[in-house]
Amino acid sequence: MLKQQLAELAEAVNKFESEAVQLRVVELVLEKAPRKDIGFSEESFSHYVAAPDLSGLMRNGRLRKTKPSESARGAVAALNDLIESDFFSEPRTIGDIVSHCEEARGAQYKSNAFSGPLSRHARSGVLAREKNADGNFVYYKP
């Protein structure tokens, strides 16, 4: 039983690339264990469940951030403002959006701050999306 639980824990922990993150995950798991018996006998681990709450920490095998960064929230707000305006009356690439935000707002955003929200808006029908001649996605109001 103990060997199986340790194997499950090792499999989950090894999905993290960073050794520091692996160590922190193991510490978090062990902190949740009651401190009555710290020994390494089968009985001391009878209450142990391999990697509790690990799914909440991981996303695609990497440690997930709990909140978007300030710049990501700012990018979403800027994108929503552009959607409300006539900016998307003609097809625009992510590069166009980044350039416009830099020129008009004086804000520098990375293109990946827009990619997720643009994809969601395309799926929900707020924006339409297609590939241009260069193979890049362009977004426009349907």
N, C-alpha and C. Protein backbone atom coordinates (compact mmCIF):
# COMPACT_ATOMS: atom_id res chain seq x y z
N MET A 1 0.83 -1.20 0.00
CA MET A 1 0.00 0.00 0.00
C MET A 1 0.88 1.26 0.00
N LEU A 2 1.87 1.32 0.88
CA LEU A 2 2.75 2.48 0.97
C LEU A 2 3.53 2.67 -0.32
N LYS A 3 4.04 1.57 -0.88
CA LYS A 3 4.81 1.67 -2.13
C LYS A 3 3.94 2.22 -3.25
N GLN A 4 2.70 1.78 -3.32
CA GLN A 4 1.79 2.26 -4.36
C GLN A 4 1.52 3.76 -4.20
N GLN A 5 1.30 4.20 -2.98
CA GLN A 5 1.04 5.61 -2.73
C GLN A 5 2.26 6.47 -3.07
N LEU A 6 3.45 6.00 -2.70
CA LEU A 6 4.67 6.74 -3.02
C LEU A 6 4.90 6.78 -4.53
N ALA A 7 4.58 5.69 -5.23
CA ALA A 7 4.73 5.66 -6.69
C ALA A 7 3.78 6.66 -7.34
N GLU A 8 2.53 6.75 -6.84
CA GLU A 8 1.57 7.71 -7.37
C GLU A 8 2.05 9.15 -7.13
N LEU A 9 2.58 9.39 -5.94
CA LEU A 9 3.09 10.71 -5.62
C LEU A 9 4.27 11.06 -6.52
N ALA A 10 5.18 10.12 -6.69
CA ALA A 10 6.36 10.37 -7.53
C ALA A 10 5.95 10.68 -8.97
N GLU A 11 4.98 9.95 -9.49
CA GLU A 11 4.52 10.18 -10.86
C GLU A 11 3.96 11.60 -11.01
N ALA A 12 3.16 12.01 -10.05
CA ALA A 12 2.57 13.35 -10.12
C ALA A 12 3.63 14.44 -9.94
N VAL A 13 4.52 14.26 -9.00
CA VAL A 13 5.55 15.27 -8.72
C VAL A 13 6.52 15.41 -9.89
N ASN A 14 6.86 14.30 -10.53
CA ASN A 14 7.81 14.33 -11.64
C ASN A 14 7.29 15.02 -12.88
N LYS A 15 5.99 15.33 -12.92
CA LYS A 15 5.44 16.08 -14.05
C LYS A 15 5.92 17.52 -14.04
N PHE A 16 6.34 18.00 -12.89
CA PHE A 16 6.87 19.36 -12.80
C PHE A 16 8.32 19.35 -13.25
N GLU A 17 8.69 20.31 -14.09
CA GLU A 17 10.06 20.37 -14.59
C GLU A 17 11.02 20.92 -13.54
N SER A 18 10.58 21.85 -12.76
CA SER A 18 11.45 22.51 -11.80
C SER A 18 11.60 21.67 -10.53
N GLU A 19 12.84 21.46 -10.14
CA GLU A 19 13.10 20.71 -8.92
C GLU A 19 12.58 21.45 -7.69
N ALA A 20 12.65 22.77 -7.72
CA ALA A 20 12.15 23.57 -6.60
C ALA A 20 10.64 23.41 -6.46
N VAL A 21 9.94 23.36 -7.59
CA VAL A 21 8.49 23.18 -7.55
C VAL A 21 8.16 21.78 -7.06
N GLN A 22 8.92 20.78 -7.51
CA GLN A 22 8.70 19.42 -7.04
C GLN A 22 8.83 19.34 -5.53
N LEU A 23 9.87 19.97 -5.00
CA LEU A 23 10.10 19.96 -3.56
C LEU A 23 8.94 20.63 -2.82
N ARG A 24 8.48 21.77 -3.36
CA ARG A 24 7.38 22.50 -2.71
C ARG A 24 6.09 21.68 -2.72
N VAL A 25 5.81 20.96 -3.80
CA VAL A 25 4.61 20.13 -3.88
C VAL A 25 4.68 19.03 -2.83
N VAL A 26 5.85 18.39 -2.70
CA VAL A 26 6.00 17.34 -1.69
C VAL A 26 5.81 17.93 -0.29
N GLU A 27 6.36 19.11 -0.05
CA GLU A 27 6.17 19.77 1.25
C GLU A 27 4.70 20.03 1.51
N LEU A 28 3.98 20.52 0.50
CA LEU A 28 2.54 20.79 0.67
C LEU A 28 1.77 19.52 0.98
N VAL A 29 2.10 18.44 0.29
CA VAL A 29 1.43 17.16 0.53
C VAL A 29 1.70 16.68 1.95
N LEU A 30 2.96 16.75 2.38
CA LEU A 30 3.32 16.28 3.71
C LEU A 30 2.77 17.18 4.81
N GLU A 31 2.60 18.47 4.54
CA GLU A 31 2.02 19.37 5.53
C GLU A 31 0.57 19.02 5.81
N LYS A 32 -0.13 18.45 4.83
CA LYS A 32 -1.53 18.10 5.02
C LYS A 32 -1.68 16.82 5.83
N ALA A 33 -0.63 16.06 5.96
CA ALA A 33 -0.68 14.82 6.72
C ALA A 33 -0.68 15.13 8.21
N PRO A 34 -1.49 14.41 9.01
CA PRO A 34 -1.47 14.62 10.46
C PRO A 34 -0.08 14.33 11.02
N ARG A 35 0.32 15.04 12.06
CA ARG A 35 1.68 14.95 12.61
C ARG A 35 1.80 13.97 13.78
N LYS A 36 0.81 13.14 14.02
CA LYS A 36 0.87 12.22 15.15
C LYS A 36 2.09 11.30 15.08
N ASP A 37 2.23 10.63 13.97
CA ASP A 37 3.30 9.65 13.83
C ASP A 37 4.08 10.01 12.57
N ILE A 38 5.30 10.45 12.73
CA ILE A 38 6.11 10.88 11.60
C ILE A 38 6.94 9.72 11.04
N GLY A 39 6.85 8.54 11.63
CA GLY A 39 7.63 7.39 11.18
C GLY A 39 7.30 6.98 9.76
N PHE A 40 8.07 6.04 9.23
CA PHE A 40 7.89 5.58 7.87
C PHE A 40 7.32 4.16 7.83
N SER A 41 6.40 3.85 8.71
CA SER A 41 5.77 2.54 8.69
C SER A 41 4.51 2.60 7.85
N GLU A 42 3.99 1.42 7.48
CA GLU A 42 2.74 1.36 6.70
C GLU A 42 1.62 2.08 7.45
N GLU A 43 1.56 1.94 8.75
CA GLU A 43 0.49 2.52 9.53
C GLU A 43 0.51 4.05 9.49
N SER A 44 1.70 4.63 9.46
CA SER A 44 1.78 6.09 9.49
C SER A 44 1.26 6.71 8.20
N PHE A 45 1.18 5.92 7.12
CA PHE A 45 0.70 6.44 5.86
C PHE A 45 -0.69 5.92 5.50
N SER A 46 -1.37 5.29 6.44
CA SER A 46 -2.68 4.72 6.13
C SER A 46 -3.70 5.80 5.77
N HIS A 47 -3.51 7.01 6.26
CA HIS A 47 -4.43 8.12 5.99
C HIS A 47 -4.05 8.89 4.72
N TYR A 48 -2.90 8.57 4.17
CA TYR A 48 -2.32 9.33 3.07
C TYR A 48 -3.04 9.05 1.75
N VAL A 49 -3.36 10.10 1.02
CA VAL A 49 -3.90 9.99 -0.33
C VAL A 49 -2.88 10.65 -1.24
N ALA A 50 -2.43 9.95 -2.25
CA ALA A 50 -1.37 10.47 -3.11
C ALA A 50 -1.80 11.76 -3.77
N ALA A 51 -1.01 12.79 -3.57
CA ALA A 51 -1.16 14.08 -4.23
C ALA A 51 -2.55 14.70 -4.09
N PRO A 52 -3.04 14.93 -2.87
CA PRO A 52 -4.34 15.57 -2.75
C PRO A 52 -4.27 16.99 -3.28
N ASP A 53 -5.29 17.42 -3.97
CA ASP A 53 -5.41 18.77 -4.52
C ASP A 53 -4.35 19.10 -5.56
N LEU A 54 -3.63 18.12 -6.07
CA LEU A 54 -2.59 18.40 -7.05
C LEU A 54 -3.19 18.88 -8.36
N SER A 55 -4.37 18.36 -8.71
CA SER A 55 -5.00 18.79 -9.95
C SER A 55 -5.28 20.29 -9.94
N GLY A 56 -5.52 20.86 -8.79
CA GLY A 56 -5.74 22.30 -8.69
C GLY A 56 -4.47 23.11 -8.89
N LEU A 57 -3.30 22.48 -8.67
CA LEU A 57 -2.03 23.17 -8.83
C LEU A 57 -1.47 23.05 -10.23
N MET A 58 -1.91 22.02 -10.96
CA MET A 58 -1.30 21.74 -12.26
C MET A 58 -2.22 22.10 -13.41
N ARG A 59 -1.60 22.48 -14.51
CA ARG A 59 -2.32 22.68 -15.76
C ARG A 59 -1.35 22.32 -16.86
N ASN A 60 -1.67 21.30 -17.62
CA ASN A 60 -0.79 20.79 -18.68
C ASN A 60 0.59 20.43 -18.14
N GLY A 61 0.64 19.82 -16.95
CA GLY A 61 1.90 19.37 -16.40
C GLY A 61 2.75 20.46 -15.79
N ARG A 62 2.23 21.66 -15.69
CA ARG A 62 3.00 22.78 -15.12
C ARG A 62 2.23 23.43 -14.00
N LEU A 63 2.95 24.11 -13.13
CA LEU A 63 2.32 24.82 -12.03
C LEU A 63 1.48 25.95 -12.58
N ARG A 64 0.23 26.04 -12.15
CA ARG A 64 -0.70 27.02 -12.66
C ARG A 64 -0.70 28.26 -11.78
N LYS A 65 -0.77 29.41 -12.40
CA LYS A 65 -0.91 30.64 -11.64
C LYS A 65 -2.33 30.72 -11.10
N THR A 66 -2.50 31.33 -9.95
CA THR A 66 -3.83 31.42 -9.39
C THR A 66 -4.63 32.57 -9.99
N LYS A 67 -3.98 33.66 -10.34
CA LYS A 67 -4.66 34.81 -10.92
C LYS A 67 -3.89 35.31 -12.13
N PRO A 68 -4.61 35.89 -13.10
CA PRO A 68 -3.88 36.49 -14.21
C PRO A 68 -3.08 37.70 -13.72
N SER A 69 -2.01 38.00 -14.42
CA SER A 69 -1.18 39.13 -14.03
C SER A 69 -1.89 40.45 -14.34
N GLU A 70 -1.37 41.53 -13.79
CA GLU A 70 -1.94 42.86 -14.04
C GLU A 70 -1.96 43.18 -15.53
N SER A 71 -0.86 42.86 -16.22
CA SER A 71 -0.81 43.19 -17.65
C SER A 71 -1.81 42.37 -18.44
N ALA A 72 -2.07 41.12 -18.03
CA ALA A 72 -3.06 40.30 -18.72
C ALA A 72 -4.45 40.87 -18.51
N ARG A 73 -4.75 41.31 -17.29
CA ARG A 73 -6.06 41.93 -17.05
C ARG A 73 -6.18 43.22 -17.85
N GLY A 74 -5.11 43.97 -17.97
CA GLY A 74 -5.12 45.20 -18.75
C GLY A 74 -5.32 44.92 -20.23
N ALA A 75 -4.74 43.84 -20.72
CA ALA A 75 -4.89 43.46 -22.12
C ALA A 75 -6.33 43.07 -22.42
N VAL A 76 -6.97 42.37 -21.51
CA VAL A 76 -8.37 41.98 -21.71
C VAL A 76 -9.26 43.22 -21.73
N ALA A 77 -9.01 44.16 -20.84
CA ALA A 77 -9.79 45.39 -20.82
C ALA A 77 -9.58 46.18 -22.11
N ALA A 78 -8.33 46.25 -22.58
CA ALA A 78 -8.05 46.95 -23.83
C ALA A 78 -8.75 46.26 -25.00
N LEU A 79 -8.72 44.94 -25.01
CA LEU A 79 -9.38 44.19 -26.08
C LEU A 79 -10.88 44.44 -26.07
N ASN A 80 -11.48 44.43 -24.89
CA ASN A 80 -12.92 44.69 -24.80
C ASN A 80 -13.27 46.09 -25.29
N ASP A 81 -12.41 47.07 -25.00
CA ASP A 81 -12.64 48.42 -25.52
C ASP A 81 -12.57 48.44 -27.04
N LEU A 82 -11.62 47.71 -27.60
CA LEU A 82 -11.48 47.65 -29.06
C LEU A 82 -12.69 46.97 -29.70
N ILE A 83 -13.23 45.96 -29.05
CA ILE A 83 -14.42 45.27 -29.57
C ILE A 83 -15.62 46.22 -29.58
N GLU A 84 -15.74 47.03 -28.53
CA GLU A 84 -16.85 47.98 -28.47
C GLU A 84 -16.71 49.11 -29.49
N SER A 85 -15.50 49.42 -29.89
CA SER A 85 -15.27 50.46 -30.90
C SER A 85 -15.40 49.83 -32.28
N ASP A 86 -15.03 50.56 -33.30
CA ASP A 86 -15.10 50.03 -34.67
C ASP A 86 -13.76 49.45 -35.13
N PHE A 87 -12.87 49.16 -34.21
CA PHE A 87 -11.54 48.65 -34.54
C PHE A 87 -11.61 47.35 -35.35
N PHE A 88 -12.55 46.48 -35.01
CA PHE A 88 -12.65 45.18 -35.67
C PHE A 88 -13.61 45.21 -36.86
N SER A 89 -13.89 46.40 -37.40
CA SER A 89 -14.75 46.47 -38.59
C SER A 89 -14.00 45.91 -39.81
N GLU A 90 -12.69 45.85 -39.72
CA GLU A 90 -11.88 45.19 -40.75
C GLU A 90 -11.00 44.15 -40.06
N PRO A 91 -10.57 43.11 -40.78
CA PRO A 91 -9.78 42.04 -40.15
C PRO A 91 -8.48 42.56 -39.54
N ARG A 92 -8.19 42.09 -38.33
CA ARG A 92 -6.99 42.51 -37.59
C ARG A 92 -6.25 41.29 -37.06
N THR A 93 -4.93 41.34 -37.11
CA THR A 93 -4.10 40.28 -36.52
C THR A 93 -3.78 40.65 -35.07
N ILE A 94 -3.22 39.71 -34.34
CA ILE A 94 -2.79 40.01 -32.98
C ILE A 94 -1.71 41.09 -33.00
N GLY A 95 -0.85 41.05 -33.99
CA GLY A 95 0.18 42.08 -34.13
C GLY A 95 -0.42 43.47 -34.30
N ASP A 96 -1.52 43.56 -35.07
CA ASP A 96 -2.22 44.83 -35.23
C ASP A 96 -2.75 45.34 -33.89
N ILE A 97 -3.28 44.43 -33.12
CA ILE A 97 -3.84 44.80 -31.81
C ILE A 97 -2.75 45.30 -30.88
N VAL A 98 -1.63 44.58 -30.83
CA VAL A 98 -0.50 44.98 -29.98
C VAL A 98 0.01 46.35 -30.40
N SER A 99 0.18 46.55 -31.71
CA SER A 99 0.67 47.85 -32.22
C SER A 99 -0.29 48.97 -31.88
N HIS A 100 -1.59 48.73 -32.07
CA HIS A 100 -2.59 49.76 -31.79
C HIS A 100 -2.57 50.14 -30.30
N CYS A 101 -2.48 49.15 -29.44
CA CYS A 101 -2.46 49.43 -27.99
C CYS A 101 -1.22 50.23 -27.62
N GLU A 102 -0.10 49.94 -28.26
CA GLU A 102 1.13 50.66 -27.97
C GLU A 102 1.02 52.12 -28.44
N GLU A 103 0.47 52.32 -29.64
CA GLU A 103 0.36 53.67 -30.21
C GLU A 103 -0.75 54.48 -29.54
N ALA A 104 -1.93 53.91 -29.42
CA ALA A 104 -3.09 54.66 -28.94
C ALA A 104 -3.16 54.77 -27.42
N ARG A 105 -2.73 53.72 -26.73
CA ARG A 105 -2.84 53.70 -25.26
C ARG A 105 -1.51 53.89 -24.57
N GLY A 106 -0.43 53.73 -25.30
CA GLY A 106 0.89 53.83 -24.68
C GLY A 106 1.20 52.64 -23.79
N ALA A 107 0.48 51.54 -24.03
CA ALA A 107 0.66 50.34 -23.21
C ALA A 107 1.30 49.25 -24.05
N GLN A 108 2.29 48.59 -23.48
CA GLN A 108 2.95 47.49 -24.19
C GLN A 108 2.45 46.17 -23.63
N TYR A 109 1.88 45.37 -24.52
CA TYR A 109 1.38 44.05 -24.15
C TYR A 109 2.08 43.02 -25.02
N LYS A 110 2.24 41.83 -24.48
CA LYS A 110 2.74 40.72 -25.27
C LYS A 110 1.56 40.14 -26.05
N SER A 111 1.84 39.60 -27.21
CA SER A 111 0.77 39.07 -28.05
C SER A 111 0.04 37.92 -27.37
N ASN A 112 0.74 37.15 -26.54
CA ASN A 112 0.07 36.03 -25.88
C ASN A 112 -0.97 36.47 -24.85
N ALA A 113 -0.93 37.74 -24.44
CA ALA A 113 -1.95 38.25 -23.52
C ALA A 113 -3.29 38.37 -24.23
N PHE A 114 -3.27 38.47 -25.56
CA PHE A 114 -4.49 38.60 -26.34
C PHE A 114 -4.97 37.27 -26.92
N SER A 115 -4.09 36.31 -27.10
CA SER A 115 -4.45 35.10 -27.85
C SER A 115 -5.59 34.31 -27.20
N GLY A 116 -5.53 34.11 -25.90
CA GLY A 116 -6.61 33.37 -25.21
C GLY A 116 -7.94 34.09 -25.28
N PRO A 117 -8.00 35.37 -24.89
CA PRO A 117 -9.26 36.09 -24.97
C PRO A 117 -9.82 36.19 -26.39
N LEU A 118 -8.95 36.36 -27.39
CA LEU A 118 -9.42 36.41 -28.77
C LEU A 118 -10.03 35.07 -29.19
N SER A 119 -9.39 34.00 -28.79
CA SER A 119 -9.91 32.67 -29.11
C SER A 119 -11.28 32.46 -28.47
N ARG A 120 -11.43 32.88 -27.22
CA ARG A 120 -12.73 32.74 -26.54
C ARG A 120 -13.80 33.58 -27.22
N HIS A 121 -13.44 34.81 -27.62
CA HIS A 121 -14.42 35.67 -28.32
C HIS A 121 -14.79 35.07 -29.67
N ALA A 122 -13.86 34.41 -30.33
CA ALA A 122 -14.16 33.77 -31.61
C ALA A 122 -15.10 32.58 -31.41
N ARG A 123 -14.86 31.79 -30.37
CA ARG A 123 -15.74 30.64 -30.09
C ARG A 123 -17.14 31.08 -29.71
N SER A 124 -17.24 32.18 -28.97
CA SER A 124 -18.55 32.64 -28.51
C SER A 124 -19.31 33.43 -29.58
N GLY A 125 -18.65 33.79 -30.68
CA GLY A 125 -19.32 34.50 -31.76
C GLY A 125 -19.22 36.01 -31.67
N VAL A 126 -18.55 36.53 -30.66
CA VAL A 126 -18.37 37.99 -30.55
C VAL A 126 -17.51 38.48 -31.70
N LEU A 127 -16.49 37.70 -32.04
CA LEU A 127 -15.62 37.99 -33.18
C LEU A 127 -15.60 36.77 -34.10
N ALA A 128 -15.32 37.02 -35.37
CA ALA A 128 -15.09 35.92 -36.31
C ALA A 128 -13.60 35.81 -36.52
N ARG A 129 -13.16 34.61 -36.93
CA ARG A 129 -11.72 34.38 -37.08
C ARG A 129 -11.48 33.54 -38.33
N GLU A 130 -10.47 33.92 -39.07
CA GLU A 130 -10.04 33.12 -40.23
C GLU A 130 -8.57 33.38 -40.47
N LYS A 131 -7.95 32.53 -41.27
CA LYS A 131 -6.53 32.70 -41.58
C LYS A 131 -6.38 33.59 -42.81
N ASN A 132 -5.40 34.49 -42.77
CA ASN A 132 -5.13 35.35 -43.92
C ASN A 132 -4.14 34.66 -44.86
N ALA A 133 -3.72 35.37 -45.89
CA ALA A 133 -2.80 34.81 -46.88
C ALA A 133 -1.46 34.40 -46.27
N ASP A 134 -1.06 35.07 -45.19
CA ASP A 134 0.22 34.75 -44.53
C ASP A 134 0.10 33.57 -43.57
N GLY A 135 -1.12 33.07 -43.38
CA GLY A 135 -1.33 31.95 -42.47
C GLY A 135 -1.57 32.37 -41.04
N ASN A 136 -1.74 33.68 -40.81
CA ASN A 136 -2.02 34.20 -39.47
C ASN A 136 -3.53 34.36 -39.30
N PHE A 137 -4.00 34.19 -38.07
CA PHE A 137 -5.41 34.42 -37.80
C PHE A 137 -5.69 35.92 -37.84
N VAL A 138 -6.83 36.26 -38.42
CA VAL A 138 -7.32 37.63 -38.38
C VAL A 138 -8.69 37.59 -37.71
N TYR A 139 -8.99 38.61 -36.96
CA TYR A 139 -10.24 38.70 -36.20
C TYR A 139 -11.02 39.91 -36.68
N TYR A 140 -12.35 39.75 -36.75
CA TYR A 140 -13.20 40.85 -37.21
C TYR A 140 -14.59 40.63 -36.65
N LYS A 141 -15.39 41.71 -36.67
CA LYS A 141 -16.77 41.58 -36.23
C LYS A 141 -17.57 40.89 -37.33
N PRO A 142 -18.36 39.90 -36.95
CA PRO A 142 -19.15 39.18 -37.96
C PRO A 142 -20.28 40.02 -38.53
